[in-house]
Amino acid sequence: MASNVSPAFAYTVVYVKDVAKSVAFYAKAFGHNVRRLDESHRWGELESGQTTIAFTPLHQHETDDLTGRVQIPGSSGERQPIEVCFAYPDVDAAYKRAVENGAVAVSEPEKKEWGQKVGYVRDIDGIVVRIGSYVNPPKQD
């Protein structure tokens, strides 16, 4: 029996302290265009190719009661259970831009044994963001 169920990865939702500040930060630090920020500032989206990056508050009654509360690391030695990764043709320039626009430097870009150049920063909520080269460069049309 054939199925019409063909999933597409549509969203990554990042739970943040202040949606408007996070949307503005990601737009400026990482170069994304803002798709939308609702009037209540409880939902924001960035253009990021085929998958949307969305932001919503850490706690909200619509989801806390259904799926549980978002857990926040208890110390600076812990990190969020998510890592946001962006690929750039010029990793050094992207890393510099992020840090100049408020990202906290974690590890400067370096070549990894698997061939990718990778650097790490933290966003304004402490979420680790990987800034890396393409493992396989995008195809040119």
N, C-alpha and C. Protein backbone atom coordinates (compact mmCIF):
# COMPACT_ATOMS: atom_id res chain seq x y z
N MET A 1 0.84 -1.18 0.00
CA MET A 1 0.00 0.00 0.00
C MET A 1 0.88 1.25 0.00
N ALA A 2 0.68 2.11 -0.97
CA ALA A 2 1.46 3.35 -1.08
C ALA A 2 0.98 4.34 -0.04
N SER A 3 1.90 5.14 0.43
CA SER A 3 1.58 6.13 1.45
C SER A 3 1.87 7.53 0.94
N ASN A 4 1.03 8.47 1.33
CA ASN A 4 1.26 9.87 0.98
C ASN A 4 1.99 10.60 2.08
N VAL A 5 2.58 9.85 3.01
CA VAL A 5 3.31 10.46 4.11
C VAL A 5 4.77 10.61 3.69
N SER A 6 5.12 11.82 3.35
CA SER A 6 6.49 12.13 2.95
C SER A 6 6.90 13.37 3.74
N PRO A 7 7.59 13.18 4.86
CA PRO A 7 7.88 14.32 5.73
C PRO A 7 8.92 15.28 5.17
N ALA A 8 8.78 16.51 5.56
CA ALA A 8 9.78 17.54 5.28
C ALA A 8 10.17 18.15 6.63
N PHE A 9 11.45 18.37 6.84
CA PHE A 9 11.89 19.00 8.08
C PHE A 9 11.58 20.48 7.95
N ALA A 10 10.57 20.94 8.65
CA ALA A 10 10.04 22.28 8.44
C ALA A 10 10.60 23.33 9.38
N TYR A 11 10.73 23.01 10.67
CA TYR A 11 11.13 24.01 11.67
C TYR A 11 12.11 23.43 12.67
N THR A 12 12.97 24.28 13.14
CA THR A 12 13.68 24.08 14.40
C THR A 12 13.22 25.20 15.29
N VAL A 13 12.67 24.87 16.45
CA VAL A 13 12.17 25.88 17.37
C VAL A 13 13.17 26.04 18.50
N VAL A 14 13.63 27.26 18.70
CA VAL A 14 14.60 27.57 19.74
C VAL A 14 13.86 28.33 20.84
N TYR A 15 13.91 27.82 22.07
CA TYR A 15 13.25 28.45 23.21
C TYR A 15 14.20 29.47 23.83
N VAL A 16 13.75 30.72 23.89
CA VAL A 16 14.62 31.82 24.30
C VAL A 16 13.95 32.70 25.35
N LYS A 17 14.76 33.54 26.00
CA LYS A 17 14.24 34.46 27.02
C LYS A 17 13.42 35.59 26.40
N ASP A 18 13.89 36.14 25.28
CA ASP A 18 13.24 37.29 24.64
C ASP A 18 13.25 37.07 23.14
N VAL A 19 12.08 36.75 22.58
CA VAL A 19 11.97 36.41 21.16
C VAL A 19 12.46 37.54 20.27
N ALA A 20 12.01 38.75 20.50
CA ALA A 20 12.39 39.88 19.64
C ALA A 20 13.90 40.11 19.65
N LYS A 21 14.51 40.05 20.85
CA LYS A 21 15.96 40.24 20.94
C LYS A 21 16.71 39.12 20.23
N SER A 22 16.24 37.88 20.37
CA SER A 22 16.92 36.75 19.73
C SER A 22 16.80 36.82 18.21
N VAL A 23 15.63 37.18 17.71
CA VAL A 23 15.45 37.31 16.26
C VAL A 23 16.39 38.39 15.71
N ALA A 24 16.43 39.54 16.38
CA ALA A 24 17.32 40.63 15.94
C ALA A 24 18.79 40.20 16.03
N PHE A 25 19.16 39.50 17.10
CA PHE A 25 20.53 39.04 17.28
C PHE A 25 20.94 38.09 16.16
N TYR A 26 20.13 37.08 15.87
CA TYR A 26 20.47 36.11 14.82
C TYR A 26 20.53 36.77 13.45
N ALA A 27 19.66 37.73 13.20
CA ALA A 27 19.69 38.44 11.92
C ALA A 27 21.00 39.20 11.77
N LYS A 28 21.40 39.89 12.81
CA LYS A 28 22.61 40.72 12.75
C LYS A 28 23.89 39.89 12.84
N ALA A 29 23.95 38.96 13.79
CA ALA A 29 25.18 38.21 14.04
C ALA A 29 25.45 37.14 12.99
N PHE A 30 24.40 36.52 12.46
CA PHE A 30 24.61 35.39 11.56
C PHE A 30 24.12 35.65 10.14
N GLY A 31 23.50 36.81 9.88
CA GLY A 31 23.15 37.21 8.52
C GLY A 31 21.84 36.67 7.99
N HIS A 32 20.92 36.25 8.86
CA HIS A 32 19.63 35.75 8.39
C HIS A 32 18.64 36.90 8.20
N ASN A 33 17.72 36.71 7.27
CA ASN A 33 16.63 37.67 7.09
C ASN A 33 15.46 37.26 7.98
N VAL A 34 14.83 38.25 8.58
CA VAL A 34 13.66 37.98 9.43
C VAL A 34 12.46 37.73 8.53
N ARG A 35 11.84 36.58 8.71
CA ARG A 35 10.61 36.26 7.97
C ARG A 35 9.41 36.90 8.66
N ARG A 36 9.34 36.73 9.99
CA ARG A 36 8.23 37.34 10.72
C ARG A 36 8.53 37.39 12.21
N LEU A 37 7.93 38.37 12.83
CA LEU A 37 7.94 38.51 14.28
C LEU A 37 6.52 38.95 14.63
N ASP A 38 5.77 38.07 15.32
CA ASP A 38 4.37 38.41 15.56
C ASP A 38 4.26 39.58 16.55
N GLU A 39 3.10 40.22 16.54
CA GLU A 39 2.89 41.42 17.34
C GLU A 39 3.07 41.18 18.83
N SER A 40 2.79 39.97 19.29
CA SER A 40 2.93 39.66 20.71
C SER A 40 4.38 39.39 21.11
N HIS A 41 5.25 39.25 20.11
CA HIS A 41 6.67 38.91 20.31
C HIS A 41 6.82 37.54 20.97
N ARG A 42 5.86 36.65 20.71
CA ARG A 42 5.94 35.30 21.25
C ARG A 42 6.30 34.29 20.17
N TRP A 43 6.53 34.75 18.94
CA TRP A 43 6.93 33.86 17.86
C TRP A 43 7.67 34.68 16.84
N GLY A 44 8.83 34.19 16.42
CA GLY A 44 9.60 34.84 15.38
C GLY A 44 10.20 33.80 14.48
N GLU A 45 10.42 34.14 13.21
CA GLU A 45 11.00 33.22 12.25
C GLU A 45 12.08 33.90 11.42
N LEU A 46 13.10 33.12 11.07
CA LEU A 46 14.16 33.59 10.18
C LEU A 46 14.18 32.77 8.91
N GLU A 47 14.53 33.40 7.82
CA GLU A 47 14.75 32.69 6.55
C GLU A 47 16.07 31.95 6.67
N SER A 48 16.05 30.68 6.38
CA SER A 48 17.30 29.91 6.49
C SER A 48 17.32 28.75 5.50
N GLY A 49 16.84 28.98 4.31
CA GLY A 49 16.80 27.90 3.33
C GLY A 49 15.51 27.12 3.46
N GLN A 50 15.60 25.80 3.34
CA GLN A 50 14.39 24.97 3.35
C GLN A 50 13.79 24.79 4.75
N THR A 51 14.58 24.96 5.78
CA THR A 51 14.10 24.78 7.15
C THR A 51 14.05 26.13 7.84
N THR A 52 12.93 26.42 8.48
CA THR A 52 12.75 27.68 9.19
C THR A 52 13.33 27.58 10.59
N ILE A 53 14.03 28.62 11.01
CA ILE A 53 14.47 28.73 12.40
C ILE A 53 13.42 29.60 13.09
N ALA A 54 12.78 29.04 14.10
CA ALA A 54 11.73 29.77 14.82
C ALA A 54 12.15 29.97 16.27
N PHE A 55 11.66 31.04 16.87
CA PHE A 55 11.95 31.37 18.26
C PHE A 55 10.64 31.54 19.01
N THR A 56 10.61 31.05 20.23
CA THR A 56 9.44 31.19 21.08
C THR A 56 9.92 31.29 22.53
N PRO A 57 9.10 31.85 23.43
CA PRO A 57 9.55 32.02 24.82
C PRO A 57 9.86 30.68 25.50
N LEU A 58 10.75 30.75 26.49
CA LEU A 58 11.10 29.56 27.27
C LEU A 58 9.88 28.91 27.90
N HIS A 59 8.99 29.71 28.43
CA HIS A 59 7.82 29.17 29.11
C HIS A 59 6.56 29.80 28.55
N GLN A 60 5.61 28.93 28.23
CA GLN A 60 4.32 29.38 27.75
C GLN A 60 3.29 28.32 28.09
N HIS A 61 2.14 28.78 28.51
CA HIS A 61 1.13 27.84 28.98
C HIS A 61 0.64 26.89 27.90
N GLU A 62 0.69 27.29 26.62
CA GLU A 62 0.20 26.43 25.54
C GLU A 62 0.98 25.12 25.45
N THR A 63 2.27 25.17 25.69
CA THR A 63 3.08 23.96 25.53
C THR A 63 3.60 23.40 26.85
N ASP A 64 3.84 24.23 27.85
CA ASP A 64 4.35 23.72 29.13
C ASP A 64 3.43 22.65 29.71
N ASP A 65 2.14 22.88 29.65
CA ASP A 65 1.18 21.93 30.22
C ASP A 65 1.09 20.65 29.38
N LEU A 66 1.34 20.74 28.09
CA LEU A 66 1.24 19.57 27.22
C LEU A 66 2.52 18.74 27.17
N THR A 67 3.65 19.42 27.02
CA THR A 67 4.90 18.69 26.76
C THR A 67 5.96 18.86 27.84
N GLY A 68 5.67 19.67 28.84
CA GLY A 68 6.64 19.88 29.92
C GLY A 68 7.39 21.18 29.76
N ARG A 69 8.00 21.61 30.84
CA ARG A 69 8.75 22.87 30.85
C ARG A 69 10.13 22.69 30.24
N VAL A 70 10.62 23.72 29.60
CA VAL A 70 11.98 23.72 29.03
C VAL A 70 12.97 23.75 30.19
N GLN A 71 13.96 22.88 30.12
CA GLN A 71 14.99 22.82 31.16
C GLN A 71 16.17 23.70 30.75
N ILE A 72 16.66 24.48 31.69
CA ILE A 72 17.78 25.38 31.45
C ILE A 72 18.99 24.85 32.21
N PRO A 73 20.19 24.84 31.58
CA PRO A 73 21.38 24.39 32.29
C PRO A 73 21.56 25.14 33.61
N GLY A 74 22.04 24.42 34.63
CA GLY A 74 22.18 25.01 35.95
C GLY A 74 23.47 25.75 36.20
N SER A 75 24.48 25.55 35.34
CA SER A 75 25.76 26.23 35.54
C SER A 75 26.40 26.54 34.19
N SER A 76 27.44 27.36 34.23
CA SER A 76 28.13 27.73 32.99
C SER A 76 28.89 26.55 32.40
N GLY A 77 29.12 25.50 33.18
CA GLY A 77 29.79 24.31 32.68
C GLY A 77 28.86 23.38 31.92
N GLU A 78 27.56 23.66 31.95
CA GLU A 78 26.58 22.87 31.22
C GLU A 78 26.16 23.65 29.98
N ARG A 79 25.57 22.95 29.02
CA ARG A 79 25.07 23.64 27.84
C ARG A 79 23.69 23.12 27.49
N GLN A 80 23.02 23.85 26.62
CA GLN A 80 21.69 23.46 26.17
C GLN A 80 21.78 22.12 25.45
N PRO A 81 20.67 21.36 25.40
CA PRO A 81 20.69 20.08 24.70
C PRO A 81 20.46 20.24 23.19
N ILE A 82 20.92 21.36 22.65
CA ILE A 82 20.81 21.62 21.21
C ILE A 82 22.03 22.43 20.79
N GLU A 83 22.42 22.23 19.56
CA GLU A 83 23.48 23.04 18.96
C GLU A 83 22.95 23.51 17.62
N VAL A 84 22.99 24.79 17.37
CA VAL A 84 22.55 25.35 16.10
C VAL A 84 23.79 25.43 15.21
N CYS A 85 23.69 24.94 13.98
CA CYS A 85 24.84 24.91 13.07
C CYS A 85 24.52 25.67 11.79
N PHE A 86 25.44 26.55 11.42
CA PHE A 86 25.31 27.29 10.17
C PHE A 86 26.55 27.04 9.32
N ALA A 87 26.35 26.85 8.02
CA ALA A 87 27.47 26.64 7.10
C ALA A 87 27.67 27.91 6.27
N TYR A 88 28.94 28.27 6.11
CA TYR A 88 29.32 29.47 5.37
C TYR A 88 30.49 29.15 4.44
N PRO A 89 30.58 29.84 3.31
CA PRO A 89 31.75 29.67 2.46
C PRO A 89 33.01 30.27 3.10
N ASP A 90 32.85 31.35 3.91
CA ASP A 90 33.99 31.98 4.58
C ASP A 90 33.75 31.93 6.09
N VAL A 91 34.23 30.88 6.71
CA VAL A 91 34.01 30.63 8.13
C VAL A 91 34.64 31.72 8.99
N ASP A 92 35.85 32.13 8.67
CA ASP A 92 36.53 33.15 9.47
C ASP A 92 35.75 34.46 9.49
N ALA A 93 35.25 34.89 8.33
CA ALA A 93 34.48 36.13 8.25
C ALA A 93 33.16 35.99 9.01
N ALA A 94 32.51 34.84 8.91
CA ALA A 94 31.25 34.62 9.60
C ALA A 94 31.46 34.61 11.11
N TYR A 95 32.52 33.98 11.57
CA TYR A 95 32.85 33.93 13.00
C TYR A 95 33.11 35.34 13.53
N LYS A 96 33.90 36.10 12.79
CA LYS A 96 34.23 37.48 13.18
C LYS A 96 32.96 38.32 13.26
N ARG A 97 32.09 38.20 12.27
CA ARG A 97 30.84 38.96 12.26
C ARG A 97 29.99 38.61 13.49
N ALA A 98 29.89 37.33 13.80
CA ALA A 98 29.08 36.90 14.94
C ALA A 98 29.61 37.51 16.24
N VAL A 99 30.90 37.43 16.45
CA VAL A 99 31.51 37.94 17.69
C VAL A 99 31.38 39.46 17.75
N GLU A 100 31.59 40.13 16.63
CA GLU A 100 31.45 41.60 16.61
C GLU A 100 30.03 42.06 16.89
N ASN A 101 29.06 41.16 16.69
CA ASN A 101 27.66 41.51 16.89
C ASN A 101 27.04 40.86 18.13
N GLY A 102 27.89 40.50 19.10
CA GLY A 102 27.38 40.07 20.39
C GLY A 102 27.47 38.61 20.74
N ALA A 103 27.88 37.75 19.80
CA ALA A 103 28.06 36.34 20.14
C ALA A 103 29.29 36.21 21.03
N VAL A 104 29.25 35.26 21.95
CA VAL A 104 30.37 35.03 22.86
C VAL A 104 31.29 33.98 22.23
N ALA A 105 32.55 34.35 22.04
CA ALA A 105 33.52 33.42 21.44
C ALA A 105 33.72 32.22 22.35
N VAL A 106 33.69 31.03 21.77
CA VAL A 106 33.95 29.79 22.50
C VAL A 106 35.23 29.15 21.96
N SER A 107 35.31 29.01 20.64
CA SER A 107 36.47 28.38 20.01
C SER A 107 36.62 28.94 18.60
N GLU A 108 37.77 29.51 18.31
CA GLU A 108 38.00 30.08 16.98
C GLU A 108 37.99 28.99 15.92
N PRO A 109 37.66 29.35 14.68
CA PRO A 109 37.61 28.35 13.62
C PRO A 109 38.94 27.62 13.44
N GLU A 110 38.83 26.32 13.26
CA GLU A 110 40.00 25.48 12.97
C GLU A 110 39.57 24.31 12.11
N LYS A 111 40.53 23.80 11.36
CA LYS A 111 40.27 22.66 10.48
C LYS A 111 40.14 21.40 11.34
N LYS A 112 39.08 20.62 11.12
CA LYS A 112 38.84 19.38 11.85
C LYS A 112 39.34 18.19 11.02
N GLU A 113 39.53 17.06 11.69
CA GLU A 113 40.08 15.89 10.99
C GLU A 113 39.18 15.39 9.87
N TRP A 114 37.89 15.70 9.91
CA TRP A 114 36.98 15.26 8.85
C TRP A 114 36.94 16.26 7.69
N GLY A 115 37.78 17.32 7.75
CA GLY A 115 37.94 18.23 6.64
C GLY A 115 37.14 19.52 6.73
N GLN A 116 36.29 19.65 7.71
CA GLN A 116 35.48 20.85 7.86
C GLN A 116 36.19 21.86 8.76
N LYS A 117 36.06 23.14 8.43
CA LYS A 117 36.57 24.20 9.29
C LYS A 117 35.41 24.62 10.19
N VAL A 118 35.65 24.65 11.52
CA VAL A 118 34.56 24.88 12.47
C VAL A 118 35.02 25.81 13.60
N GLY A 119 34.14 26.75 13.96
CA GLY A 119 34.32 27.59 15.14
C GLY A 119 33.03 27.58 15.94
N TYR A 120 33.12 27.90 17.21
CA TYR A 120 31.94 27.88 18.08
C TYR A 120 31.77 29.21 18.81
N VAL A 121 30.52 29.64 18.93
CA VAL A 121 30.14 30.81 19.73
C VAL A 121 28.91 30.43 20.55
N ARG A 122 28.56 31.30 21.49
CA ARG A 122 27.29 31.16 22.21
C ARG A 122 26.43 32.37 21.85
N ASP A 123 25.12 32.12 21.73
CA ASP A 123 24.21 33.23 21.44
C ASP A 123 23.84 33.94 22.74
N ILE A 124 22.91 34.88 22.68
CA ILE A 124 22.56 35.68 23.85
C ILE A 124 21.81 34.89 24.93
N ASP A 125 21.40 33.66 24.60
CA ASP A 125 20.76 32.79 25.58
C ASP A 125 21.69 31.67 26.03
N GLY A 126 22.94 31.70 25.57
CA GLY A 126 23.90 30.68 25.96
C GLY A 126 23.89 29.44 25.08
N ILE A 127 23.09 29.44 24.03
CA ILE A 127 23.02 28.29 23.12
C ILE A 127 24.28 28.27 22.26
N VAL A 128 24.87 27.08 22.12
CA VAL A 128 26.06 26.92 21.31
C VAL A 128 25.68 26.98 19.83
N VAL A 129 26.41 27.81 19.08
CA VAL A 129 26.22 27.92 17.64
C VAL A 129 27.52 27.52 16.96
N ARG A 130 27.42 26.53 16.08
CA ARG A 130 28.58 26.08 15.31
C ARG A 130 28.59 26.84 13.99
N ILE A 131 29.72 27.44 13.68
CA ILE A 131 29.92 28.14 12.42
C ILE A 131 30.94 27.33 11.65
N GLY A 132 30.51 26.72 10.57
CA GLY A 132 31.40 25.81 9.86
C GLY A 132 31.35 25.96 8.36
N SER A 133 32.34 25.35 7.73
CA SER A 133 32.35 25.29 6.28
C SER A 133 31.38 24.18 5.85
N TYR A 134 31.07 24.16 4.58
CA TYR A 134 30.24 23.09 4.05
C TYR A 134 31.07 21.80 4.05
N VAL A 135 30.48 20.71 4.51
CA VAL A 135 31.16 19.42 4.41
C VAL A 135 31.22 19.05 2.93
N ASN A 136 30.10 19.21 2.25
CA ASN A 136 30.02 19.06 0.79
C ASN A 136 29.46 20.38 0.26
N PRO A 137 30.25 21.15 -0.46
CA PRO A 137 29.78 22.46 -0.93
C PRO A 137 28.47 22.33 -1.70
N PRO A 138 27.58 23.33 -1.58
CA PRO A 138 26.32 23.27 -2.32
C PRO A 138 26.57 23.25 -3.82
N LYS A 139 25.70 22.56 -4.54
CA LYS A 139 25.82 22.48 -6.00
C LYS A 139 25.48 23.81 -6.61
N GLN A 140 26.25 24.19 -7.62
CA GLN A 140 26.00 25.44 -8.34
C GLN A 140 25.03 25.15 -9.46
N ASP A 141 24.02 26.01 -9.60
CA ASP A 141 23.03 25.83 -10.68
C ASP A 141 23.52 26.41 -11.97
